[in-house]
Amino acid sequence: MNQMVMTTFLLDEADANIRKLILDSIDRLTGQDYRGVRKFEFNRFDVSLDFENGEVTLTDDLTVGPAGEFTTSMQEFGAALRAPSQSSTR
């Protein structure tokens, strides 16, 4: 799994609206004890929230194979989304 996938997602695609959409889904469905999978498809990245296993998988559509996927805990992913965005400084 490639940590760079998450870094690229956070810098290049996760604008304020995308962050809010995903975080709202995490907060709402975690509070309901939801056990399914919620998927989002954005321009370059797909985000899969697996509530049963507490994991998030990011898939970079431009990178084929394992190098284009990254899986992390939902807690870590949520914390990364809540961190200040660095994209505005680039």
N, C-alpha and C. Protein backbone atom coordinates (compact mmCIF):
# COMPACT_ATOMS: atom_id res chain seq x y z
N MET A 1 0.85 -1.18 0.00
CA MET A 1 0.00 0.00 0.00
C MET A 1 0.90 1.24 0.00
N ASN A 2 0.42 2.26 -0.64
CA ASN A 2 1.24 3.42 -0.91
C ASN A 2 0.72 4.67 -0.18
N GLN A 3 1.44 5.12 0.81
CA GLN A 3 1.08 6.32 1.59
C GLN A 3 0.96 7.55 0.70
N MET A 4 1.70 7.57 -0.41
CA MET A 4 1.66 8.72 -1.32
C MET A 4 0.26 8.92 -1.91
N VAL A 5 -0.51 7.85 -2.02
CA VAL A 5 -1.88 7.97 -2.53
C VAL A 5 -2.70 8.89 -1.61
N MET A 6 -2.58 8.69 -0.31
CA MET A 6 -3.31 9.53 0.62
C MET A 6 -2.80 10.97 0.58
N THR A 7 -1.51 11.15 0.55
CA THR A 7 -0.94 12.49 0.49
C THR A 7 -1.42 13.24 -0.75
N THR A 8 -1.41 12.56 -1.89
CA THR A 8 -1.85 13.18 -3.13
C THR A 8 -3.34 13.51 -3.08
N PHE A 9 -4.14 12.60 -2.54
CA PHE A 9 -5.57 12.86 -2.39
C PHE A 9 -5.81 14.11 -1.54
N LEU A 10 -5.14 14.19 -0.41
CA LEU A 10 -5.34 15.31 0.50
C LEU A 10 -4.91 16.63 -0.12
N LEU A 11 -3.83 16.62 -0.87
CA LEU A 11 -3.30 17.86 -1.46
C LEU A 11 -4.02 18.27 -2.74
N ASP A 12 -4.36 17.30 -3.58
CA ASP A 12 -4.84 17.61 -4.92
C ASP A 12 -6.35 17.53 -5.10
N GLU A 13 -7.04 16.74 -4.30
CA GLU A 13 -8.46 16.56 -4.56
C GLU A 13 -9.36 16.91 -3.37
N ALA A 14 -8.88 16.75 -2.17
CA ALA A 14 -9.73 16.93 -0.99
C ALA A 14 -9.90 18.40 -0.63
N ASP A 15 -10.72 19.09 -1.43
CA ASP A 15 -11.01 20.48 -1.10
C ASP A 15 -11.99 20.52 0.07
N ALA A 16 -12.38 21.69 0.49
CA ALA A 16 -13.25 21.84 1.67
C ALA A 16 -14.58 21.10 1.50
N ASN A 17 -15.15 21.14 0.30
CA ASN A 17 -16.43 20.46 0.06
C ASN A 17 -16.31 18.95 0.15
N ILE A 18 -15.26 18.39 -0.43
CA ILE A 18 -15.05 16.94 -0.37
C ILE A 18 -14.77 16.51 1.05
N ARG A 19 -13.95 17.26 1.76
CA ARG A 19 -13.66 16.93 3.16
C ARG A 19 -14.95 16.92 3.98
N LYS A 20 -15.79 17.92 3.79
CA LYS A 20 -17.04 18.00 4.54
C LYS A 20 -17.97 16.84 4.19
N LEU A 21 -18.09 16.52 2.93
CA LEU A 21 -18.95 15.43 2.49
C LEU A 21 -18.54 14.10 3.14
N ILE A 22 -17.25 13.80 3.12
CA ILE A 22 -16.76 12.54 3.69
C ILE A 22 -16.88 12.56 5.21
N LEU A 23 -16.46 13.64 5.84
CA LEU A 23 -16.53 13.72 7.30
C LEU A 23 -17.97 13.66 7.81
N ASP A 24 -18.89 14.30 7.12
CA ASP A 24 -20.30 14.22 7.51
C ASP A 24 -20.80 12.78 7.44
N SER A 25 -20.40 12.07 6.40
CA SER A 25 -20.79 10.68 6.26
C SER A 25 -20.19 9.82 7.37
N ILE A 26 -18.92 10.02 7.67
CA ILE A 26 -18.27 9.27 8.74
C ILE A 26 -18.96 9.54 10.07
N ASP A 27 -19.17 10.80 10.38
CA ASP A 27 -19.78 11.17 11.66
C ASP A 27 -21.21 10.65 11.78
N ARG A 28 -22.00 10.80 10.73
CA ARG A 28 -23.40 10.38 10.76
C ARG A 28 -23.54 8.86 10.85
N LEU A 29 -22.82 8.15 10.02
CA LEU A 29 -22.98 6.69 9.97
C LEU A 29 -22.31 5.98 11.13
N THR A 30 -21.23 6.54 11.65
CA THR A 30 -20.60 5.95 12.83
C THR A 30 -21.54 6.07 14.02
N GLY A 31 -22.22 7.19 14.13
CA GLY A 31 -23.17 7.40 15.22
C GLY A 31 -24.38 6.49 15.16
N GLN A 32 -24.67 5.94 13.97
CA GLN A 32 -25.81 5.04 13.80
C GLN A 32 -25.40 3.57 13.90
N ASP A 33 -24.14 3.31 14.21
CA ASP A 33 -23.62 1.95 14.28
C ASP A 33 -23.81 1.22 12.94
N TYR A 34 -23.61 1.94 11.84
CA TYR A 34 -23.74 1.42 10.48
C TYR A 34 -22.63 0.41 10.21
N ARG A 35 -22.93 -0.68 9.52
CA ARG A 35 -21.94 -1.73 9.25
C ARG A 35 -21.69 -1.98 7.77
N GLY A 36 -22.13 -1.07 6.91
CA GLY A 36 -21.95 -1.26 5.48
C GLY A 36 -20.74 -0.53 4.94
N VAL A 37 -20.73 -0.37 3.62
CA VAL A 37 -19.65 0.33 2.93
C VAL A 37 -20.27 1.51 2.19
N ARG A 38 -19.65 2.67 2.30
CA ARG A 38 -20.10 3.88 1.60
C ARG A 38 -18.99 4.26 0.65
N LYS A 39 -19.33 4.44 -0.63
CA LYS A 39 -18.32 4.75 -1.64
C LYS A 39 -18.55 6.12 -2.25
N PHE A 40 -17.45 6.79 -2.53
CA PHE A 40 -17.46 8.08 -3.20
C PHE A 40 -16.54 7.99 -4.41
N GLU A 41 -16.96 8.55 -5.53
CA GLU A 41 -16.13 8.63 -6.72
C GLU A 41 -15.92 10.10 -7.07
N PHE A 42 -14.67 10.51 -7.04
CA PHE A 42 -14.33 11.89 -7.36
C PHE A 42 -13.59 11.91 -8.69
N ASN A 43 -12.98 13.04 -9.04
CA ASN A 43 -12.32 13.17 -10.34
C ASN A 43 -11.22 12.12 -10.54
N ARG A 44 -10.31 12.06 -9.61
CA ARG A 44 -9.17 11.14 -9.75
C ARG A 44 -9.21 9.99 -8.76
N PHE A 45 -9.83 10.20 -7.62
CA PHE A 45 -9.78 9.21 -6.54
C PHE A 45 -11.15 8.65 -6.21
N ASP A 46 -11.17 7.39 -5.82
CA ASP A 46 -12.35 6.75 -5.25
C ASP A 46 -12.06 6.53 -3.77
N VAL A 47 -13.06 6.75 -2.94
CA VAL A 47 -12.92 6.59 -1.49
C VAL A 47 -13.97 5.60 -1.04
N SER A 48 -13.54 4.56 -0.36
CA SER A 48 -14.44 3.53 0.15
C SER A 48 -14.34 3.51 1.68
N LEU A 49 -15.47 3.82 2.33
CA LEU A 49 -15.53 3.80 3.79
C LEU A 49 -16.15 2.48 4.23
N ASP A 50 -15.36 1.62 4.84
CA ASP A 50 -15.82 0.31 5.31
C ASP A 50 -16.08 0.42 6.82
N PHE A 51 -17.35 0.61 7.17
CA PHE A 51 -17.71 0.84 8.57
C PHE A 51 -17.64 -0.43 9.40
N GLU A 52 -17.79 -1.57 8.78
CA GLU A 52 -17.71 -2.82 9.54
C GLU A 52 -16.29 -3.07 10.04
N ASN A 53 -15.31 -2.79 9.19
CA ASN A 53 -13.91 -3.02 9.57
C ASN A 53 -13.21 -1.76 10.05
N GLY A 54 -13.89 -0.61 9.97
CA GLY A 54 -13.28 0.64 10.42
C GLY A 54 -12.12 1.09 9.56
N GLU A 55 -12.22 0.80 8.24
CA GLU A 55 -11.12 1.13 7.33
C GLU A 55 -11.59 2.01 6.18
N VAL A 56 -10.64 2.73 5.63
CA VAL A 56 -10.87 3.55 4.44
C VAL A 56 -9.86 3.12 3.39
N THR A 57 -10.35 2.90 2.16
CA THR A 57 -9.46 2.58 1.05
C THR A 57 -9.57 3.68 0.01
N LEU A 58 -8.42 4.24 -0.34
CA LEU A 58 -8.32 5.25 -1.40
C LEU A 58 -7.76 4.57 -2.63
N THR A 59 -8.37 4.85 -3.78
CA THR A 59 -7.88 4.30 -5.04
C THR A 59 -7.62 5.45 -6.00
N ASP A 60 -6.39 5.53 -6.49
CA ASP A 60 -6.00 6.54 -7.47
C ASP A 60 -6.28 5.96 -8.85
N ASP A 61 -7.23 6.54 -9.57
CA ASP A 61 -7.62 6.02 -10.88
C ASP A 61 -6.51 6.16 -11.93
N LEU A 62 -5.51 6.96 -11.67
CA LEU A 62 -4.42 7.15 -12.63
C LEU A 62 -3.25 6.19 -12.40
N THR A 63 -3.29 5.43 -11.32
CA THR A 63 -2.20 4.51 -11.01
C THR A 63 -2.77 3.09 -10.88
N VAL A 64 -2.36 2.21 -11.75
CA VAL A 64 -2.89 0.86 -11.79
C VAL A 64 -2.17 -0.03 -10.77
N GLY A 65 -2.93 -0.91 -10.14
CA GLY A 65 -2.36 -1.91 -9.24
C GLY A 65 -2.19 -1.43 -7.82
N PRO A 66 -1.43 -2.20 -7.03
CA PRO A 66 -1.25 -1.90 -5.61
C PRO A 66 -0.64 -0.52 -5.33
N ALA A 67 0.15 0.00 -6.26
CA ALA A 67 0.75 1.32 -6.06
C ALA A 67 -0.30 2.42 -6.05
N GLY A 68 -1.49 2.14 -6.58
CA GLY A 68 -2.55 3.13 -6.63
C GLY A 68 -3.60 2.98 -5.55
N GLU A 69 -3.32 2.16 -4.55
CA GLU A 69 -4.27 1.95 -3.46
C GLU A 69 -3.61 2.19 -2.11
N PHE A 70 -4.42 2.68 -1.18
CA PHE A 70 -3.96 2.89 0.18
C PHE A 70 -5.11 2.63 1.13
N THR A 71 -4.88 1.85 2.17
CA THR A 71 -5.89 1.56 3.18
C THR A 71 -5.37 2.02 4.54
N THR A 72 -6.25 2.67 5.29
CA THR A 72 -5.90 3.16 6.62
C THR A 72 -7.12 3.04 7.52
N SER A 73 -6.94 3.30 8.78
CA SER A 73 -8.08 3.26 9.70
C SER A 73 -8.97 4.47 9.46
N MET A 74 -10.24 4.32 9.74
CA MET A 74 -11.17 5.42 9.57
C MET A 74 -10.81 6.57 10.51
N GLN A 75 -10.32 6.24 11.69
CA GLN A 75 -9.92 7.26 12.65
C GLN A 75 -8.75 8.09 12.11
N GLU A 76 -7.75 7.44 11.55
CA GLU A 76 -6.60 8.15 11.00
C GLU A 76 -7.00 9.00 9.80
N PHE A 77 -7.86 8.45 8.94
CA PHE A 77 -8.31 9.17 7.76
C PHE A 77 -9.12 10.40 8.17
N GLY A 78 -10.02 10.24 9.12
CA GLY A 78 -10.80 11.38 9.61
C GLY A 78 -9.91 12.47 10.17
N ALA A 79 -8.89 12.08 10.92
CA ALA A 79 -7.96 13.07 11.49
C ALA A 79 -7.22 13.80 10.37
N ALA A 80 -6.82 13.08 9.33
CA ALA A 80 -6.13 13.71 8.21
C ALA A 80 -7.04 14.69 7.47
N LEU A 81 -8.32 14.35 7.33
CA LEU A 81 -9.27 15.26 6.68
C LEU A 81 -9.54 16.50 7.52
N ARG A 82 -9.50 16.35 8.83
CA ARG A 82 -9.75 17.49 9.72
C ARG A 82 -8.54 18.42 9.84
N ALA A 83 -7.36 17.93 9.49
CA ALA A 83 -6.15 18.76 9.55
C ALA A 83 -6.26 19.89 8.51
N PRO A 84 -5.65 21.01 8.78
CA PRO A 84 -5.70 22.13 7.82
C PRO A 84 -5.15 21.70 6.46
N SER A 85 -5.83 22.10 5.42
CA SER A 85 -5.43 21.77 4.05
C SER A 85 -4.18 22.55 3.67
N GLN A 86 -3.26 21.90 3.00
CA GLN A 86 -2.04 22.56 2.53
C GLN A 86 -2.16 22.99 1.08
N SER A 87 -3.27 22.63 0.42
CA SER A 87 -3.38 22.92 -1.02
C SER A 87 -3.40 24.42 -1.33
N SER A 88 -3.90 25.23 -0.40
CA SER A 88 -3.97 26.66 -0.65
C SER A 88 -2.61 27.35 -0.60
N THR A 89 -1.60 26.66 -0.08
CA THR A 89 -0.26 27.25 0.01
C THR A 89 0.61 26.89 -1.17
N ARG A 90 0.08 26.09 -2.08
CA ARG A 90 0.87 25.66 -3.24
C ARG A 90 0.72 26.61 -4.39
